[in-house]
Amino acid sequence: MPHIVIKAVEGATERQIEEAAIQIADVIHKTLGKPAKYISVSYEGYAFGEWEGVYNEFVKDKDNVFVKPGYTNPKTFS
């Protein structure tokens, strides 16, 4: 605990994903005070056509999304 999941449209390299995961884990460690050995981060890549489903299930109208995206249409990102 905690476990963080990065969900994104595919396109990042494995190195970029790994670096993002390391930085996210470090932020969790520093801001929430959780020991690094208890933090895990995973990545789920989605095709562009799948993103609307991800957005609707995990982002749209969710009270636990503290940083909202700057779009409301996941098909066009506008």
N, C-alpha and C. Protein backbone atom coordinates (compact mmCIF):
# COMPACT_ATOMS: atom_id res chain seq x y z
N MET A 1 0.82 -1.18 0.00
CA MET A 1 0.00 0.00 0.00
C MET A 1 0.85 1.23 0.00
N PRO A 2 0.60 2.21 -0.75
CA PRO A 2 -0.46 2.28 -1.75
C PRO A 2 -0.02 1.72 -3.10
N HIS A 3 -1.01 1.42 -3.93
CA HIS A 3 -0.77 0.99 -5.31
C HIS A 3 -1.39 2.03 -6.23
N ILE A 4 -0.61 2.54 -7.16
CA ILE A 4 -1.06 3.55 -8.10
C ILE A 4 -1.08 2.93 -9.50
N VAL A 5 -2.15 3.20 -10.24
CA VAL A 5 -2.27 2.70 -11.61
C VAL A 5 -2.26 3.88 -12.58
N ILE A 6 -1.34 3.85 -13.52
CA ILE A 6 -1.30 4.84 -14.59
C ILE A 6 -2.08 4.24 -15.76
N LYS A 7 -3.14 4.90 -16.17
CA LYS A 7 -3.92 4.49 -17.34
C LYS A 7 -3.71 5.56 -18.39
N ALA A 8 -3.28 5.17 -19.59
CA ALA A 8 -2.98 6.16 -20.62
C ALA A 8 -3.17 5.57 -22.01
N VAL A 9 -3.41 6.45 -22.97
CA VAL A 9 -3.40 6.03 -24.36
C VAL A 9 -1.96 5.64 -24.69
N GLU A 10 -1.80 4.51 -25.37
CA GLU A 10 -0.47 4.01 -25.70
C GLU A 10 0.33 5.03 -26.50
N GLY A 11 1.62 4.92 -26.41
CA GLY A 11 2.49 5.79 -27.18
C GLY A 11 3.79 6.13 -26.47
N ALA A 12 3.79 6.02 -25.16
CA ALA A 12 5.01 6.28 -24.40
C ALA A 12 5.94 5.08 -24.51
N THR A 13 7.24 5.35 -24.42
CA THR A 13 8.20 4.26 -24.43
C THR A 13 8.23 3.60 -23.05
N GLU A 14 8.79 2.41 -23.01
CA GLU A 14 8.92 1.71 -21.73
C GLU A 14 9.76 2.54 -20.75
N ARG A 15 10.79 3.17 -21.26
CA ARG A 15 11.64 4.01 -20.40
C ARG A 15 10.86 5.19 -19.84
N GLN A 16 10.03 5.84 -20.66
CA GLN A 16 9.20 6.95 -20.19
C GLN A 16 8.22 6.49 -19.12
N ILE A 17 7.62 5.34 -19.33
CA ILE A 17 6.67 4.80 -18.36
C ILE A 17 7.38 4.49 -17.05
N GLU A 18 8.54 3.87 -17.15
CA GLU A 18 9.31 3.54 -15.95
C GLU A 18 9.70 4.80 -15.19
N GLU A 19 10.15 5.82 -15.89
CA GLU A 19 10.55 7.08 -15.24
C GLU A 19 9.35 7.75 -14.57
N ALA A 20 8.21 7.74 -15.25
CA ALA A 20 6.99 8.31 -14.65
C ALA A 20 6.62 7.55 -13.38
N ALA A 21 6.69 6.24 -13.43
CA ALA A 21 6.35 5.42 -12.26
C ALA A 21 7.29 5.71 -11.09
N ILE A 22 8.58 5.83 -11.37
CA ILE A 22 9.56 6.14 -10.33
C ILE A 22 9.26 7.50 -9.70
N GLN A 23 8.99 8.49 -10.54
CA GLN A 23 8.71 9.83 -10.03
C GLN A 23 7.40 9.88 -9.23
N ILE A 24 6.39 9.19 -9.71
CA ILE A 24 5.11 9.14 -8.98
C ILE A 24 5.31 8.48 -7.62
N ALA A 25 6.04 7.38 -7.59
CA ALA A 25 6.31 6.70 -6.32
C ALA A 25 7.05 7.62 -5.36
N ASP A 26 8.00 8.39 -5.89
CA ASP A 26 8.76 9.32 -5.05
C ASP A 26 7.85 10.41 -4.48
N VAL A 27 6.94 10.93 -5.29
CA VAL A 27 6.01 11.95 -4.81
C VAL A 27 5.11 11.38 -3.72
N ILE A 28 4.62 10.17 -3.90
CA ILE A 28 3.79 9.54 -2.87
C ILE A 28 4.58 9.37 -1.58
N HIS A 29 5.81 8.93 -1.72
CA HIS A 29 6.68 8.77 -0.55
C HIS A 29 6.86 10.10 0.19
N LYS A 30 7.15 11.16 -0.56
CA LYS A 30 7.44 12.46 0.06
C LYS A 30 6.20 13.16 0.59
N THR A 31 5.09 13.09 -0.12
CA THR A 31 3.91 13.86 0.29
C THR A 31 2.99 13.11 1.25
N LEU A 32 2.91 11.80 1.11
CA LEU A 32 2.05 11.03 2.01
C LEU A 32 2.82 10.33 3.12
N GLY A 33 4.14 10.38 3.03
CA GLY A 33 4.96 9.79 4.08
C GLY A 33 4.94 8.27 4.10
N LYS A 34 4.60 7.67 2.98
CA LYS A 34 4.57 6.20 2.92
C LYS A 34 5.97 5.69 2.60
N PRO A 35 6.43 4.66 3.30
CA PRO A 35 7.75 4.11 3.01
C PRO A 35 7.82 3.61 1.57
N ALA A 36 8.93 3.90 0.90
CA ALA A 36 9.09 3.54 -0.50
C ALA A 36 8.89 2.04 -0.74
N LYS A 37 9.26 1.22 0.22
CA LYS A 37 9.15 -0.24 0.03
C LYS A 37 7.70 -0.72 -0.03
N TYR A 38 6.76 0.12 0.33
CA TYR A 38 5.35 -0.26 0.30
C TYR A 38 4.60 0.29 -0.92
N ILE A 39 5.27 1.06 -1.75
CA ILE A 39 4.62 1.72 -2.88
C ILE A 39 4.83 0.91 -4.15
N SER A 40 3.74 0.70 -4.88
CA SER A 40 3.84 0.04 -6.19
C SER A 40 3.09 0.88 -7.22
N VAL A 41 3.58 0.83 -8.45
CA VAL A 41 2.99 1.60 -9.55
C VAL A 41 2.92 0.68 -10.76
N SER A 42 1.75 0.62 -11.39
CA SER A 42 1.60 -0.17 -12.61
C SER A 42 1.11 0.72 -13.75
N TYR A 43 1.17 0.20 -14.96
CA TYR A 43 0.79 0.95 -16.15
C TYR A 43 -0.17 0.11 -16.98
N GLU A 44 -1.23 0.75 -17.46
CA GLU A 44 -2.16 0.10 -18.38
C GLU A 44 -2.27 0.97 -19.63
N GLY A 45 -1.85 0.45 -20.75
CA GLY A 45 -1.91 1.18 -22.01
C GLY A 45 -3.16 0.81 -22.79
N TYR A 46 -3.77 1.80 -23.40
CA TYR A 46 -5.02 1.60 -24.14
C TYR A 46 -4.88 2.18 -25.54
N ALA A 47 -5.52 1.54 -26.49
CA ALA A 47 -5.61 2.09 -27.84
C ALA A 47 -6.50 3.33 -27.79
N PHE A 48 -6.29 4.24 -28.72
CA PHE A 48 -7.06 5.49 -28.74
C PHE A 48 -8.56 5.20 -28.71
N GLY A 49 -9.01 4.22 -29.45
CA GLY A 49 -10.43 3.89 -29.52
C GLY A 49 -11.01 3.35 -28.22
N GLU A 50 -10.15 2.87 -27.33
CA GLU A 50 -10.60 2.35 -26.04
C GLU A 50 -10.71 3.43 -24.97
N TRP A 51 -10.12 4.59 -25.23
CA TRP A 51 -9.99 5.60 -24.18
C TRP A 51 -11.33 6.12 -23.68
N GLU A 52 -12.32 6.23 -24.55
CA GLU A 52 -13.63 6.72 -24.12
C GLU A 52 -14.19 5.85 -23.00
N GLY A 53 -14.04 4.55 -23.10
CA GLY A 53 -14.51 3.64 -22.05
C GLY A 53 -13.77 3.85 -20.74
N VAL A 54 -12.46 4.04 -20.83
CA VAL A 54 -11.65 4.29 -19.63
C VAL A 54 -12.09 5.60 -18.99
N TYR A 55 -12.21 6.64 -19.80
CA TYR A 55 -12.65 7.96 -19.31
C TYR A 55 -14.01 7.86 -18.62
N ASN A 56 -14.95 7.22 -19.27
CA ASN A 56 -16.30 7.12 -18.71
C ASN A 56 -16.34 6.32 -17.41
N GLU A 57 -15.52 5.28 -17.32
CA GLU A 57 -15.53 4.43 -16.13
C GLU A 57 -14.74 5.02 -14.96
N PHE A 58 -13.61 5.65 -15.24
CA PHE A 58 -12.71 6.04 -14.16
C PHE A 58 -12.58 7.54 -13.91
N VAL A 59 -13.03 8.38 -14.86
CA VAL A 59 -12.79 9.82 -14.75
C VAL A 59 -14.09 10.63 -14.69
N LYS A 60 -14.94 10.43 -15.67
CA LYS A 60 -16.14 11.25 -15.81
C LYS A 60 -17.03 11.20 -14.56
N ASP A 61 -17.31 12.38 -14.04
CA ASP A 61 -18.22 12.54 -12.90
C ASP A 61 -17.78 11.81 -11.64
N LYS A 62 -16.48 11.56 -11.49
CA LYS A 62 -15.97 10.86 -10.30
C LYS A 62 -15.48 11.88 -9.28
N ASP A 63 -15.95 11.75 -8.05
CA ASP A 63 -15.55 12.66 -6.98
C ASP A 63 -14.11 12.42 -6.52
N ASN A 64 -13.57 11.24 -6.79
CA ASN A 64 -12.21 10.94 -6.32
C ASN A 64 -11.13 11.31 -7.34
N VAL A 65 -11.50 11.96 -8.44
CA VAL A 65 -10.52 12.45 -9.42
C VAL A 65 -10.20 13.89 -9.01
N PHE A 66 -9.04 14.08 -8.41
CA PHE A 66 -8.66 15.38 -7.87
C PHE A 66 -8.04 16.31 -8.91
N VAL A 67 -7.46 15.75 -9.95
CA VAL A 67 -6.93 16.55 -11.05
C VAL A 67 -7.75 16.16 -12.28
N LYS A 68 -8.61 17.06 -12.70
CA LYS A 68 -9.51 16.79 -13.83
C LYS A 68 -8.80 17.11 -15.14
N PRO A 69 -9.09 16.34 -16.20
CA PRO A 69 -8.50 16.65 -17.49
C PRO A 69 -9.11 17.93 -18.08
N GLY A 70 -8.43 18.51 -19.01
CA GLY A 70 -8.90 19.73 -19.65
C GLY A 70 -9.79 19.47 -20.84
N TYR A 71 -10.43 18.32 -20.88
CA TYR A 71 -11.35 17.97 -21.97
C TYR A 71 -12.57 17.27 -21.37
N THR A 72 -13.65 17.31 -22.09
CA THR A 72 -14.86 16.57 -21.68
C THR A 72 -15.29 15.57 -22.75
N ASN A 73 -14.65 15.63 -23.92
CA ASN A 73 -14.97 14.69 -24.98
C ASN A 73 -13.75 13.79 -25.22
N PRO A 74 -13.78 12.55 -24.73
CA PRO A 74 -12.62 11.67 -24.87
C PRO A 74 -12.37 11.18 -26.29
N LYS A 75 -13.29 11.44 -27.20
CA LYS A 75 -13.07 11.05 -28.60
C LYS A 75 -12.19 12.06 -29.33
N THR A 76 -12.29 13.33 -28.93
CA THR A 76 -11.53 14.38 -29.61
C THR A 76 -10.59 15.13 -28.69
N PHE A 77 -10.66 14.85 -27.39
CA PHE A 77 -9.87 15.54 -26.37
C PHE A 77 -10.12 17.04 -26.38
N SER A 78 -11.38 17.40 -26.65
CA SER A 78 -11.75 18.82 -26.59
C SER A 78 -12.83 19.03 -25.53
